[in-house]
Amino acid sequence: MESAGSSSPPTSATLTLPPTARLLSCRVLDTVHRPVRQAAFEVTDPIGRRIVSGETDPYGGFAVAVPEGEYRLSVTTEGYAPFHGVTIVGDPGQPGTAEIILDTVEPPLLPQPGHWELDPTHSSIGFTARHIGLARIRGRFTTFAGAVRIAERMEDSSMHVIIDAASIDTGVRLRDDHLRSGDFLDAVRHPTVEFYSERFIHRSGSTWTVAGALTLHGVSRSVTLDTQYLGLGTGMEGELRAACRATTELHREDFTLNWQSMLAHGIAAIGSSVDVTLDIQAVRKA
């Protein structure tokens, strides 16, 4: 360690590779040669098995040690067209460090201002919960309705979704009856789950955060939906449609869903967190 005020030059560590390893290094740049940081990269073998993955550093670079051979390389990040290529590591004819240039892509057009309604036939509200610390139980709500008011400025938009609590469906009747009971949703006393938002926050490209209040089991809590806007399309009857995918994580205790049964060694029968995924199509109304 150098003392304060030392004029000695900084030292750098030398990476020693195993005898059979070779270095694959790349820099990811945009079309004006600026580094693209935090781009996701993945290296796979010729039959698609993942060898290594990660993100580019603040200078747009990454370096990984792999055996000699042929590999597939993919790079993806928000706002840019994906890159897919083939490289042969250890080939003297290929440069040790390659540059990958990503082309920018325009984000999809936003929905037109006005009143939009969720289409339950082409939408889904699903969830995943951990069971006995091992498997994941997946379920959905089969009955729900909702509306979105798109403002002239997208950030001023609002939405309201109402879910029939009794429509919970995990594919097992006995379990679904238990989830509807007073131990969990208590669907007789609290027949609906509701989400209301007046905060649409643009993150980057087609990524948004929708912040609002979720009322579940008679308790309201602030919730944020990490939302990927998927763009516009035209339905079978010529109607204009908009689509998005949103995710969030809920904690049961926040909504006083405190029922729990402990197994041997203190393992909980049901995990405390629930992952929620919404795949939504909305139709514009006159």
Protein backbone atom coordinates (compact mmCIF):
# COMPACT_ATOMS: atom_id res chain seq x y z
CA MET A 1 0.00 0.00 0.00
CA GLU A 2 1.35 3.45 -0.94
CA SER A 3 1.53 6.27 1.60
CA ALA A 4 -0.29 9.57 1.04
CA GLY A 5 1.52 11.82 -1.36
CA SER A 6 3.60 9.00 -2.85
CA SER A 7 4.79 9.72 -6.38
CA SER A 8 5.15 6.05 -7.31
CA PRO A 9 3.18 5.02 -10.41
CA PRO A 10 0.09 2.88 -9.84
CA THR A 11 0.58 -0.86 -10.15
CA SER A 12 -1.65 -3.29 -12.02
CA ALA A 13 -2.21 -6.98 -11.47
CA THR A 14 -1.31 -9.44 -14.22
CA LEU A 15 -3.91 -12.05 -15.10
CA THR A 16 -2.35 -15.48 -15.48
CA LEU A 17 -4.41 -17.81 -17.65
CA PRO A 18 -4.40 -21.60 -17.36
CA PRO A 19 -2.38 -23.29 -20.16
CA THR A 20 -5.51 -24.33 -22.09
CA ALA A 21 -7.33 -20.99 -21.73
CA ARG A 22 -7.53 -18.16 -24.23
CA LEU A 23 -8.81 -14.64 -23.73
CA LEU A 24 -11.93 -13.42 -25.54
CA SER A 25 -12.28 -9.66 -25.20
CA CYS A 26 -14.60 -7.16 -26.89
CA ARG A 27 -15.57 -3.53 -26.77
CA VAL A 28 -19.19 -2.64 -27.44
CA LEU A 29 -19.69 0.77 -29.06
CA ASP A 30 -22.51 2.75 -30.61
CA THR A 31 -22.46 4.14 -34.14
CA VAL A 32 -20.41 7.19 -33.08
CA HIS A 33 -17.95 4.99 -31.16
CA ARG A 34 -19.13 5.81 -27.67
CA PRO A 35 -18.92 2.88 -25.21
CA VAL A 36 -22.16 1.09 -24.42
CA ARG A 37 -22.04 0.27 -20.73
CA GLN A 38 -24.07 -2.43 -18.96
CA ALA A 39 -24.90 -4.20 -22.21
CA ALA A 40 -25.71 -7.86 -21.58
CA PHE A 41 -23.43 -10.34 -23.34
CA GLU A 42 -23.62 -14.13 -23.58
CA VAL A 43 -21.10 -16.61 -24.96
CA THR A 44 -22.46 -20.01 -26.01
CA ASP A 45 -21.01 -23.07 -27.69
CA PRO A 46 -22.12 -24.15 -31.21
CA ILE A 47 -25.09 -26.14 -29.85
CA GLY A 48 -26.39 -23.28 -27.69
CA ARG A 49 -25.05 -24.17 -24.24
CA ARG A 50 -24.15 -21.05 -22.25
CA ILE A 51 -20.47 -20.78 -21.40
CA VAL A 52 -20.38 -17.37 -19.72
CA SER A 53 -22.48 -14.21 -19.50
CA GLY A 54 -22.36 -10.79 -17.91
CA GLU A 55 -22.43 -7.03 -18.58
CA THR A 56 -20.00 -4.65 -20.23
CA ASP A 57 -17.91 -2.38 -17.99
CA PRO A 58 -18.06 1.48 -17.93
CA TYR A 59 -15.84 1.52 -21.04
CA GLY A 60 -18.08 -0.85 -22.97
CA GLY A 61 -15.70 -3.77 -22.64
CA PHE A 62 -15.59 -7.30 -21.33
CA ALA A 63 -12.98 -10.06 -21.22
CA VAL A 64 -13.50 -13.75 -20.46
CA ALA A 65 -11.20 -16.77 -20.42
CA VAL A 66 -12.41 -19.77 -22.45
CA PRO A 67 -10.84 -22.82 -24.10
CA GLU A 68 -9.90 -22.59 -27.76
CA GLY A 69 -12.79 -23.19 -30.11
CA GLU A 70 -15.78 -21.76 -31.91
CA TYR A 71 -18.35 -19.73 -29.98
CA ARG A 72 -21.54 -17.78 -30.54
CA LEU A 73 -21.61 -14.28 -29.09
CA SER A 74 -24.70 -12.18 -28.47
CA VAL A 75 -24.97 -8.63 -27.10
CA THR A 76 -28.26 -6.96 -26.16
CA THR A 77 -29.22 -3.72 -24.46
CA GLU A 78 -32.14 -1.31 -24.32
CA GLY A 79 -32.40 1.01 -27.31
CA TYR A 80 -30.07 -0.93 -29.62
CA ALA A 81 -30.52 -3.71 -32.17
CA PRO A 82 -29.24 -7.05 -30.81
CA PHE A 83 -25.90 -8.37 -32.05
CA HIS A 84 -25.33 -12.05 -32.86
CA GLY A 85 -22.05 -13.34 -34.24
CA VAL A 86 -19.58 -16.21 -34.41
CA THR A 87 -15.98 -16.05 -33.22
CA ILE A 88 -13.12 -18.55 -33.17
CA VAL A 89 -11.06 -18.13 -30.04
CA GLY A 90 -7.38 -18.99 -30.49
CA ASP A 91 -7.34 -18.37 -34.24
CA PRO A 92 -4.14 -16.38 -35.01
CA GLY A 93 -5.93 -14.71 -37.91
CA GLN A 94 -8.49 -13.03 -35.63
CA PRO A 95 -7.65 -9.98 -33.50
CA GLY A 96 -7.37 -10.44 -29.77
CA THR A 97 -9.82 -7.62 -29.08
CA ALA A 98 -12.84 -7.06 -31.31
CA GLU A 99 -15.15 -4.09 -31.61
CA ILE A 100 -18.89 -4.57 -31.85
CA ILE A 101 -20.92 -1.67 -33.21
CA LEU A 102 -24.58 -1.60 -32.12
CA ASP A 103 -27.18 0.17 -34.23
CA THR A 104 -29.71 2.30 -32.37
CA VAL A 105 -33.41 1.53 -32.76
CA GLU A 106 -36.31 3.86 -32.32
CA PRO A 107 -38.67 3.03 -29.44
CA PRO A 108 -42.17 1.95 -30.49
CA LEU A 109 -44.82 4.59 -31.05
CA LEU A 110 -46.76 5.43 -27.90
CA PRO A 111 -50.54 4.89 -27.70
CA GLN A 112 -52.74 7.73 -28.91
CA PRO A 113 -54.34 9.89 -26.20
CA GLY A 114 -57.77 8.73 -25.17
CA HIS A 115 -59.57 5.92 -23.37
CA TRP A 116 -58.20 2.39 -23.63
CA GLU A 117 -59.69 -0.75 -22.08
CA LEU A 118 -57.93 -3.97 -21.12
CA ASP A 119 -58.87 -6.96 -23.26
CA PRO A 120 -59.15 -9.88 -20.79
CA THR A 121 -59.30 -12.39 -23.65
CA HIS A 122 -55.79 -11.46 -24.77
CA SER A 123 -54.34 -10.48 -21.39
CA SER A 124 -53.20 -12.37 -18.32
CA ILE A 125 -52.42 -11.63 -14.67
CA GLY A 126 -50.25 -14.37 -13.25
CA PHE A 127 -48.16 -14.99 -10.14
CA THR A 128 -45.47 -17.33 -8.85
CA ALA A 129 -44.83 -18.32 -5.23
CA ARG A 130 -42.22 -20.54 -3.64
CA HIS A 131 -43.48 -23.82 -2.15
CA ILE A 132 -41.63 -25.60 0.72
CA GLY A 133 -38.44 -23.79 -0.31
CA LEU A 134 -38.13 -25.83 -3.50
CA ALA A 135 -40.69 -25.77 -6.28
CA ARG A 136 -42.55 -22.74 -7.60
CA ILE A 137 -46.32 -22.74 -7.74
CA ARG A 138 -47.80 -20.75 -10.63
CA GLY A 139 -51.29 -19.34 -10.77
CA ARG A 140 -53.43 -16.62 -12.33
CA PHE A 141 -56.60 -14.61 -11.93
CA THR A 142 -59.12 -15.46 -14.61
CA THR A 143 -61.54 -12.54 -14.15
CA PHE A 144 -60.45 -8.90 -14.24
CA ALA A 145 -61.17 -5.61 -15.96
CA GLY A 146 -59.31 -2.37 -16.37
CA ALA A 147 -59.00 0.93 -18.18
CA VAL A 148 -56.14 3.23 -19.10
CA ARG A 149 -56.49 6.94 -19.79
CA ILE A 150 -53.65 8.00 -22.09
CA ALA A 151 -52.94 11.71 -21.70
CA GLU A 152 -51.39 14.08 -24.23
CA ARG A 153 -48.22 13.74 -22.19
CA MET A 154 -47.71 10.04 -21.47
CA GLU A 155 -46.39 10.73 -17.96
CA ASP A 156 -49.79 12.24 -17.03
CA SER A 157 -51.71 9.05 -17.88
CA SER A 158 -53.62 6.90 -15.37
CA MET A 159 -54.93 3.36 -15.05
CA HIS A 160 -57.33 1.36 -12.89
CA VAL A 161 -57.49 -2.45 -12.74
CA ILE A 162 -60.03 -4.51 -10.77
CA ILE A 163 -59.48 -8.24 -10.17
CA ASP A 164 -62.05 -10.74 -8.92
CA ALA A 165 -60.24 -12.32 -5.94
CA ALA A 166 -62.34 -15.48 -6.14
CA SER A 167 -61.12 -16.13 -9.69
CA ILE A 168 -57.69 -17.27 -8.45
CA ASP A 169 -56.63 -20.44 -10.25
CA THR A 170 -53.54 -22.58 -9.60
CA GLY A 171 -54.93 -25.70 -11.23
CA VAL A 172 -55.65 -27.48 -7.92
CA ARG A 173 -59.16 -27.02 -6.54
CA LEU A 174 -58.31 -27.80 -2.91
CA ARG A 175 -55.46 -25.29 -2.93
CA ASP A 176 -57.57 -22.63 -4.68
CA ASP A 177 -60.33 -23.01 -2.09
CA HIS A 178 -57.73 -22.49 0.64
CA LEU A 179 -56.39 -19.37 -1.10
CA ARG A 180 -59.93 -17.93 -1.28
CA SER A 181 -60.52 -18.61 2.44
CA GLY A 182 -59.92 -16.37 5.42
CA ASP A 183 -56.36 -17.73 5.71
CA PHE A 184 -55.39 -15.86 2.55
CA LEU A 185 -57.46 -13.63 0.25
CA ASP A 186 -60.68 -13.88 2.29
CA ALA A 187 -62.61 -13.38 -0.94
CA VAL A 188 -66.00 -13.17 0.82
CA ARG A 189 -64.99 -10.10 2.87
CA HIS A 190 -62.61 -8.66 0.23
CA PRO A 191 -64.04 -9.67 -3.15
CA THR A 192 -61.75 -7.49 -5.29
CA VAL A 193 -58.08 -6.67 -5.71
CA GLU A 194 -57.56 -3.17 -7.15
CA PHE A 195 -54.63 -1.24 -8.57
CA TYR A 196 -54.78 2.47 -9.35
CA SER A 197 -51.98 4.61 -10.76
CA GLU A 198 -51.46 8.21 -11.85
CA ARG A 199 -47.67 7.99 -12.24
CA PHE A 200 -46.15 6.78 -15.50
CA ILE A 201 -42.37 7.29 -15.28
CA HIS A 202 -40.22 6.92 -18.39
CA ARG A 203 -36.93 5.12 -17.75
CA SER A 204 -35.34 4.63 -21.17
CA GLY A 205 -36.37 3.44 -24.62
CA SER A 206 -39.50 1.35 -24.12
CA THR A 207 -38.99 0.84 -20.37
CA TRP A 208 -41.40 2.53 -17.94
CA THR A 209 -42.28 2.41 -14.26
CA VAL A 210 -45.98 2.53 -13.38
CA ALA A 211 -46.34 3.53 -9.72
CA GLY A 212 -49.60 3.31 -7.81
CA ALA A 213 -51.58 1.84 -4.94
CA LEU A 214 -52.55 -1.82 -4.69
CA THR A 215 -55.48 -2.73 -2.43
CA LEU A 216 -55.37 -6.39 -1.45
CA HIS A 217 -57.04 -8.14 1.48
CA GLY A 218 -58.40 -4.74 2.55
CA VAL A 219 -54.91 -3.20 2.81
CA SER A 220 -53.47 -0.55 0.45
CA ARG A 221 -49.76 -0.33 -0.27
CA SER A 222 -47.59 1.52 -2.77
CA VAL A 223 -46.49 -0.74 -5.63
CA THR A 224 -44.34 -0.13 -8.71
CA LEU A 225 -44.69 -2.10 -11.93
CA ASP A 226 -41.53 -2.51 -14.02
CA THR A 227 -43.08 -2.21 -17.45
CA GLN A 228 -41.85 -3.00 -20.96
CA TYR A 229 -44.00 -1.25 -23.58
CA LEU A 230 -44.30 -3.55 -26.61
CA GLY A 231 -45.89 -1.21 -29.12
CA LEU A 232 -49.04 -0.93 -31.23
CA GLY A 233 -50.82 -3.42 -33.45
CA THR A 234 -54.06 -3.97 -35.32
CA GLY A 235 -56.54 -6.66 -34.26
CA MET A 236 -58.58 -9.05 -36.41
CA GLU A 237 -61.40 -6.52 -36.75
CA GLY A 238 -59.14 -3.57 -37.48
CA GLU A 239 -59.14 -2.26 -33.91
CA LEU A 240 -56.05 -0.49 -32.60
CA ARG A 241 -54.26 -2.35 -29.81
CA ALA A 242 -51.39 -1.56 -27.45
CA ALA A 243 -49.40 -4.14 -25.50
CA CYS A 244 -47.08 -4.21 -22.51
CA ARG A 245 -45.54 -6.62 -20.03
CA ALA A 246 -45.14 -5.66 -16.38
CA THR A 247 -43.63 -7.34 -13.33
CA THR A 248 -43.48 -6.66 -9.60
CA GLU A 249 -42.71 -8.46 -6.35
CA LEU A 250 -45.16 -8.44 -3.46
CA HIS A 251 -44.60 -9.46 0.14
CA ARG A 252 -47.55 -11.23 1.77
CA GLU A 253 -46.97 -9.69 5.17
CA ASP A 254 -47.42 -6.19 3.72
CA PHE A 255 -51.08 -7.09 3.08
CA THR A 256 -51.58 -9.02 6.34
CA LEU A 257 -51.58 -12.35 4.49
CA ASN A 258 -49.80 -13.88 7.43
CA TRP A 259 -50.96 -17.51 7.35
CA GLN A 260 -48.02 -19.84 7.56
CA SER A 261 -47.33 -23.47 8.22
CA MET A 262 -43.81 -24.56 9.11
CA LEU A 263 -42.38 -27.87 8.00
CA ALA A 264 -39.54 -29.81 9.57
CA HIS A 265 -36.29 -27.87 10.07
CA GLY A 266 -38.22 -24.59 10.08
CA ILE A 267 -38.92 -24.49 6.33
CA ALA A 268 -41.97 -22.41 5.41
CA ALA A 269 -44.68 -24.15 3.41
CA ILE A 270 -45.22 -20.99 1.35
CA GLY A 271 -42.64 -18.29 0.70
CA SER A 272 -43.16 -14.73 1.89
CA SER A 273 -42.74 -13.11 -1.54
CA VAL A 274 -44.89 -13.45 -4.65
CA ASP A 275 -43.75 -12.54 -8.17
CA VAL A 276 -46.51 -11.03 -10.30
CA THR A 277 -46.47 -10.80 -14.10
CA LEU A 278 -48.99 -8.95 -16.26
CA ASP A 279 -49.21 -9.43 -20.03
CA ILE A 280 -51.63 -6.79 -21.18
CA GLN A 281 -53.37 -5.85 -24.41
CA ALA A 282 -55.52 -2.74 -24.38
CA VAL A 283 -58.00 -1.62 -27.06
CA ARG A 284 -58.65 2.02 -27.87
CA LYS A 285 -62.27 3.08 -27.45
CA ALA A 286 -64.04 5.89 -29.27
